[in-house]
């Protein structure tokens, strides 16, 4: 029994060492890729993010975050973080589902129960940082793209944080994540997104709104207005015609700039944007269809 325990302890030490080496490799690779663009990582801002400890818990958490209902549930938990009951969490999911989600949070020590009430056991005031971590993890796990989240870059005049940055096959990928509904997104946020694009100069950029509401009603017009402001009368095409529907509520501007929501699946929509870019830069032997 003691020999088995010693072997398990050695394995744990080796696994932790391998994880540190992998994280160091990712950090170095991202740092080098940014320096080739004349940029540096000034700071990684990971505060306020809800991430469980332990590999098993993180795997379960990642799978849960893949469900839109869980992400909405977690927003309500954060909203009522100091004191809440199950009834506070039923806006977007049924009571049995809310109880199952809440039981998981308590078991993983992310929430605590005192009598009939609960409170969040992690310092978080917004779902935004957790969404950034999840999207960066999606890039790594689903598409093999090394990535980092919530970065503040040095050697730049652009303010604000870069939500998710990834590099793969010589391609820089930037994802701006928004956890608020479209009605809470304004022209200033879209303008700041374009400013960061100008600084980073990625090949692929996705303005990702974690909602299943329509992008065409609010976000697409904001993009069209910002394109008009930047391109002016010298634009080759009318700004609104520059924003084209890719499918559903996914839109593209040119070859590498995308607007996306989370309907029907956040990770799948990211993949659709990546596939559109990478396939568009491949060899095409058949003639393009006539529109």
Protein backbone atom coordinates (compact mmCIF):
# COMPACT_ATOMS: atom_id res chain seq x y z
CA UNK A 1 0.00 0.00 0.00
CA UNK A 2 2.81 2.41 0.91
CA UNK A 3 4.64 1.55 -2.30
CA UNK A 4 1.51 2.30 -4.32
CA UNK A 5 1.06 5.63 -2.54
CA UNK A 6 4.70 6.57 -3.19
CA UNK A 7 4.24 5.76 -6.87
CA UNK A 8 1.11 7.91 -7.03
CA UNK A 9 2.93 10.77 -5.32
CA UNK A 10 5.78 10.55 -7.84
CA UNK A 11 3.29 10.59 -10.70
CA UNK A 12 1.62 13.68 -9.29
CA UNK A 13 4.97 15.46 -9.03
CA UNK A 14 5.85 14.52 -12.61
CA UNK A 15 2.45 15.65 -13.93
CA UNK A 16 2.78 19.01 -12.17
CA UNK A 17 6.29 19.44 -13.60
CA UNK A 18 5.06 18.65 -17.12
CA UNK A 19 2.23 21.15 -16.77
CA UNK A 20 4.65 23.86 -15.66
CA UNK A 21 6.90 23.12 -18.64
CA UNK A 22 3.93 23.23 -21.03
CA UNK A 23 2.67 26.51 -19.60
CA UNK A 24 6.17 27.97 -19.82
CA UNK A 25 6.43 26.85 -23.46
CA UNK A 26 3.09 28.48 -24.29
CA UNK A 27 4.06 31.72 -22.54
CA UNK A 28 7.41 31.85 -24.34
CA UNK A 29 5.88 31.08 -27.74
CA UNK A 30 3.27 33.82 -27.32
CA UNK A 31 5.85 36.27 -26.06
CA UNK A 32 8.10 35.63 -29.07
CA UNK A 33 5.19 35.90 -31.52
CA UNK A 34 4.16 39.25 -30.06
CA UNK A 35 7.73 40.56 -30.06
CA UNK A 36 7.92 39.79 -33.77
CA UNK A 37 5.06 42.28 -34.05
CA UNK A 38 6.96 44.84 -31.99
CA UNK A 39 4.76 44.21 -28.94
CA UNK A 40 5.34 42.85 -25.45
CA UNK A 41 3.16 41.37 -22.73
CA UNK A 42 3.02 43.96 -19.98
CA UNK A 43 0.72 42.08 -17.65
CA UNK A 44 -1.71 39.16 -17.57
CA UNK A 45 -4.84 40.22 -15.69
CA UNK A 46 -6.41 37.02 -14.38
CA UNK A 47 -8.22 38.38 -11.34
CA UNK A 48 -11.94 37.83 -10.93
CA UNK A 49 -11.95 34.60 -12.91
CA UNK A 50 -13.82 31.57 -11.60
CA UNK A 51 -11.60 28.52 -12.19
CA UNK A 52 -11.75 25.41 -10.00
CA UNK A 53 -8.64 23.74 -8.69
CA UNK A 54 -7.59 20.32 -9.87
CA UNK A 55 -7.51 18.70 -13.30
CA UNK A 56 -10.70 16.69 -12.84
CA UNK A 57 -12.70 19.71 -11.67
CA UNK A 58 -11.41 21.83 -14.56
CA UNK A 59 -12.37 19.15 -17.06
CA UNK A 60 -15.89 19.01 -15.64
CA UNK A 61 -16.04 22.81 -15.56
CA UNK A 62 -14.94 23.08 -19.18
CA UNK A 63 -17.68 20.70 -20.23
CA UNK A 64 -20.28 22.63 -18.22
CA UNK A 65 -19.21 25.96 -19.70
CA UNK A 66 -19.88 24.50 -23.12
CA UNK A 67 -23.59 24.71 -22.25
CA UNK A 68 -25.17 28.11 -22.78
CA UNK A 69 -27.57 27.48 -19.89
CA UNK A 70 -24.68 27.01 -17.46
CA UNK A 71 -23.01 30.22 -18.60
CA UNK A 72 -26.28 32.11 -18.04
CA UNK A 73 -26.68 30.40 -14.66
CA UNK A 74 -23.15 31.44 -13.67
CA UNK A 75 -23.89 35.05 -14.59
CA UNK A 76 -26.79 35.02 -12.12
CA UNK A 77 -24.61 33.43 -9.43
CA UNK A 78 -22.08 36.25 -9.88
CA UNK A 79 -24.84 38.87 -9.89
CA UNK A 80 -26.17 37.64 -6.51
CA UNK A 81 -22.74 36.51 -5.31
CA UNK A 82 -22.97 37.65 -1.68
CA UNK A 83 -26.28 36.00 -0.81
CA UNK A 84 -28.73 34.06 -2.96
CA UNK A 85 -31.19 31.18 -3.03
CA UNK A 86 -32.17 28.80 -5.82
CA UNK A 87 -35.09 31.03 -6.82
CA UNK A 88 -32.61 33.77 -7.79
CA UNK A 89 -31.10 31.49 -10.44
CA UNK A 90 -34.19 30.47 -12.42
CA UNK A 91 -34.31 33.17 -15.10
CA UNK A 92 -32.77 30.96 -17.77
CA UNK A 93 -32.93 27.38 -16.50
CA UNK A 94 -35.32 25.06 -14.71
CA UNK A 95 -35.17 24.50 -10.97
CA UNK A 96 -33.82 20.92 -11.27
CA UNK A 97 -31.06 22.15 -13.59
CA UNK A 98 -30.22 25.08 -11.31
CA UNK A 99 -30.01 22.78 -8.30
CA UNK A 100 -27.74 20.39 -10.19
CA UNK A 101 -25.44 23.23 -11.28
CA UNK A 102 -25.42 24.72 -7.78
CA UNK A 103 -24.65 21.37 -6.18
CA UNK A 104 -21.62 21.08 -8.46
CA UNK A 105 -20.38 24.55 -7.44
CA UNK A 106 -20.71 23.67 -3.76
CA UNK A 107 -18.97 20.31 -4.17
CA UNK A 108 -16.09 22.02 -5.93
CA UNK A 109 -15.93 24.72 -3.25
CA UNK A 110 -16.74 27.51 -5.67
CA UNK A 111 -19.88 28.31 -3.68
CA UNK A 112 -20.79 27.86 -0.03
CA UNK A 113 -24.07 27.14 1.69
CA UNK A 114 -25.20 28.65 4.96
CA UNK A 115 -28.63 27.39 5.94
CA UNK A 116 -31.02 28.10 3.07
CA UNK A 117 -28.71 30.65 1.44
CA UNK A 118 -25.62 30.42 -0.72
CA UNK A 119 -22.73 32.72 -1.55
CA UNK A 120 -19.99 32.67 -4.15
CA UNK A 121 -16.68 31.55 -2.63
CA UNK A 122 -14.55 33.21 -5.32
CA UNK A 123 -13.92 36.93 -5.75
CA UNK A 124 -15.70 37.71 -9.02
CA UNK A 125 -17.88 40.64 -10.01
CA UNK A 126 -18.32 39.87 -13.70
CA UNK A 127 -18.57 36.81 -15.93
CA UNK A 128 -16.22 38.47 -18.44
CA UNK A 129 -12.86 37.08 -17.16
CA UNK A 130 -14.27 33.55 -16.92
CA UNK A 131 -15.61 33.81 -20.48
CA UNK A 132 -12.15 34.90 -21.67
CA UNK A 133 -10.54 31.89 -19.96
CA UNK A 134 -13.11 29.57 -21.52
CA UNK A 135 -12.62 30.96 -25.05
CA UNK A 136 -8.82 30.71 -24.72
CA UNK A 137 -9.24 27.10 -23.56
CA UNK A 138 -11.52 26.38 -26.53
CA UNK A 139 -8.79 27.60 -28.89
CA UNK A 140 -6.23 25.36 -27.23
CA UNK A 141 -8.30 22.22 -26.75
CA UNK A 142 -10.55 22.19 -29.80
CA UNK A 143 -8.25 23.75 -32.41
CA UNK A 144 -4.70 23.30 -31.12
CA UNK A 145 -4.01 27.04 -30.99
CA UNK A 146 -1.69 28.30 -28.26
CA UNK A 147 -3.43 31.19 -26.57
CA UNK A 148 -3.49 33.57 -23.65
CA UNK A 149 -6.26 35.65 -22.16
CA UNK A 150 -6.76 39.04 -20.55
CA UNK A 151 -3.46 40.53 -21.65
CA UNK A 152 -2.28 44.09 -21.36
CA UNK A 153 0.36 44.82 -23.97
CA UNK A 154 3.34 47.11 -23.67
CA UNK A 155 4.90 49.22 -26.44
CA UNK A 156 1.48 50.34 -27.65
CA UNK A 157 -0.61 53.49 -27.52
CA UNK A 158 -3.86 51.50 -27.47
CA UNK A 159 -5.52 51.23 -24.08
CA UNK A 160 -7.55 48.37 -22.71
CA UNK A 161 -6.97 44.65 -22.45
CA UNK A 162 -6.75 42.06 -25.20
CA UNK A 163 -9.27 39.39 -24.24
CA UNK A 164 -7.87 36.35 -26.11
CA UNK A 165 -4.79 36.16 -28.36
CA UNK A 166 -3.64 33.00 -30.12
CA UNK A 167 -0.96 32.05 -32.64
CA UNK A 168 -0.94 29.05 -34.95
CA UNK A 169 0.63 28.27 -38.34
CA UNK A 170 2.00 31.80 -38.59
CA UNK A 171 -1.48 33.24 -38.00
CA UNK A 172 -2.36 35.67 -35.24
CA UNK A 173 -5.90 35.25 -33.90
CA UNK A 174 -7.59 37.83 -31.71
CA UNK A 175 -10.99 37.35 -30.06
CA UNK A 176 -12.85 40.14 -28.31
CA UNK A 177 -15.40 38.58 -25.96
CA UNK A 178 -18.59 40.26 -24.79
CA UNK A 179 -20.78 38.71 -22.12
CA UNK A 180 -23.39 41.49 -22.14
CA UNK A 181 -26.44 41.31 -24.44
CA UNK A 182 -26.19 43.31 -27.69
CA UNK A 183 -28.28 46.17 -26.28
CA UNK A 184 -25.47 46.94 -23.81
CA UNK A 185 -22.77 47.12 -26.49
CA UNK A 186 -22.19 50.60 -27.84
CA UNK A 187 -20.19 52.35 -30.54
CA UNK A 188 -17.34 53.11 -28.15
CA UNK A 189 -16.71 49.42 -27.51
CA UNK A 190 -16.70 48.64 -31.23
CA UNK A 191 -14.33 51.57 -31.84
CA UNK A 192 -11.97 50.31 -29.14
CA UNK A 193 -12.03 46.86 -30.76
CA UNK A 194 -10.96 48.37 -34.10
CA UNK A 195 -8.23 50.35 -32.35
CA UNK A 196 -6.81 47.13 -30.90
CA UNK A 197 -6.94 45.52 -34.33
CA UNK A 198 -4.87 48.37 -35.69
CA UNK A 199 -2.26 47.81 -33.00
CA UNK A 200 -2.10 44.00 -33.09
CA UNK A 201 -2.71 43.53 -36.85
CA UNK A 202 -4.04 39.94 -36.54
CA UNK A 203 -4.88 37.82 -39.56
CA UNK A 204 -8.10 36.64 -37.86
CA UNK A 205 -10.26 38.66 -35.48
CA UNK A 206 -13.61 37.66 -33.99
CA UNK A 207 -15.99 39.98 -32.16
CA UNK A 208 -17.70 37.28 -30.09
CA UNK A 209 -20.88 38.05 -28.18
CA UNK A 210 -21.90 35.26 -25.81
CA UNK A 211 -25.59 35.46 -26.60
CA UNK A 212 -28.12 33.68 -28.76
CA UNK A 213 -29.75 36.97 -29.75
CA UNK A 214 -29.44 38.42 -33.24
CA UNK A 215 -26.29 40.22 -34.32
CA UNK A 216 -27.92 41.83 -37.36
CA UNK A 217 -30.10 44.21 -35.34
CA UNK A 218 -27.47 46.04 -33.28
CA UNK A 219 -23.90 44.80 -33.74
CA UNK A 220 -23.78 44.71 -37.55
CA UNK A 221 -24.97 48.36 -37.85
CA UNK A 222 -22.36 49.40 -35.26
CA UNK A 223 -19.65 47.72 -37.36
CA UNK A 224 -20.98 49.36 -40.53
CA UNK A 225 -20.94 52.78 -38.90
CA UNK A 226 -17.40 52.31 -37.62
CA UNK A 227 -16.22 51.15 -41.04
CA UNK A 228 -17.79 54.25 -42.58
CA UNK A 229 -16.07 56.45 -40.00
CA UNK A 230 -12.68 54.89 -40.72
CA UNK A 231 -12.95 54.42 -44.49
CA UNK A 232 -14.86 57.61 -45.25
CA UNK A 233 -15.95 58.45 -48.78
CA UNK A 234 -12.91 56.73 -50.23
CA UNK A 235 -14.26 53.26 -49.48
CA UNK A 236 -14.55 50.99 -52.52
CA UNK A 237 -17.89 49.64 -51.34
CA UNK A 238 -20.65 50.90 -49.12
CA UNK A 239 -19.80 49.93 -45.50
CA UNK A 240 -23.02 47.98 -45.00
CA UNK A 241 -22.26 45.84 -48.02
CA UNK A 242 -18.82 45.09 -46.54
CA UNK A 243 -20.48 43.16 -43.70
CA UNK A 244 -21.73 39.91 -45.18
CA UNK A 245 -23.60 37.05 -43.57
CA UNK A 246 -21.54 33.88 -43.37
CA UNK A 247 -24.33 31.74 -41.92
CA UNK A 248 -26.96 32.18 -39.24
CA UNK A 249 -25.81 35.08 -37.07
CA UNK A 250 -22.17 34.84 -38.17
CA UNK A 251 -20.93 37.75 -40.29
CA UNK A 252 -17.66 38.50 -42.01
CA UNK A 253 -15.89 41.65 -43.11
CA UNK A 254 -13.37 40.71 -45.78
CA UNK A 255 -11.44 37.49 -45.25
CA UNK A 256 -10.48 37.58 -41.58
CA UNK A 257 -12.79 39.81 -39.53
CA UNK A 258 -15.87 38.17 -38.03
CA UNK A 259 -18.91 38.96 -35.90
CA UNK A 260 -20.24 35.92 -34.04
CA UNK A 261 -22.71 34.96 -31.35
CA UNK A 262 -23.13 31.69 -29.43
CA UNK A 263 -26.07 30.22 -31.35
CA UNK A 264 -26.16 27.26 -31.57
CA UNK A 265 -22.71 26.65 -30.09
CA UNK A 266 -19.95 29.05 -29.05
CA UNK A 267 -17.04 26.70 -29.78
CA UNK A 268 -18.57 25.63 -33.09
CA UNK A 269 -19.02 29.23 -34.20
CA UNK A 270 -15.38 29.98 -33.46
CA UNK A 271 -14.49 26.95 -35.57
CA UNK A 272 -16.68 28.17 -38.44
CA UNK A 273 -14.81 31.48 -38.48
CA UNK A 274 -11.42 29.75 -38.41
CA UNK A 275 -12.44 27.32 -41.16
CA UNK A 276 -13.65 30.18 -43.36
CA UNK A 277 -10.30 31.93 -43.02
CA UNK A 278 -8.02 28.90 -43.44
CA UNK A 279 -9.99 27.37 -46.32
CA UNK A 280 -10.18 30.75 -48.01
CA UNK A 281 -6.38 30.88 -48.10
CA UNK A 282 -6.01 27.39 -49.55
CA UNK A 283 -5.76 26.22 -53.15
CA UNK A 284 -9.04 26.31 -55.03
CA UNK A 285 -9.04 24.34 -58.29
CA UNK A 286 -12.78 24.54 -59.05
CA UNK A 287 -14.18 27.85 -60.22
CA UNK A 288 -16.02 29.89 -57.64
CA UNK A 289 -19.81 29.70 -57.94
CA UNK A 290 -21.49 32.55 -59.76
CA UNK A 291 -23.54 34.70 -57.43
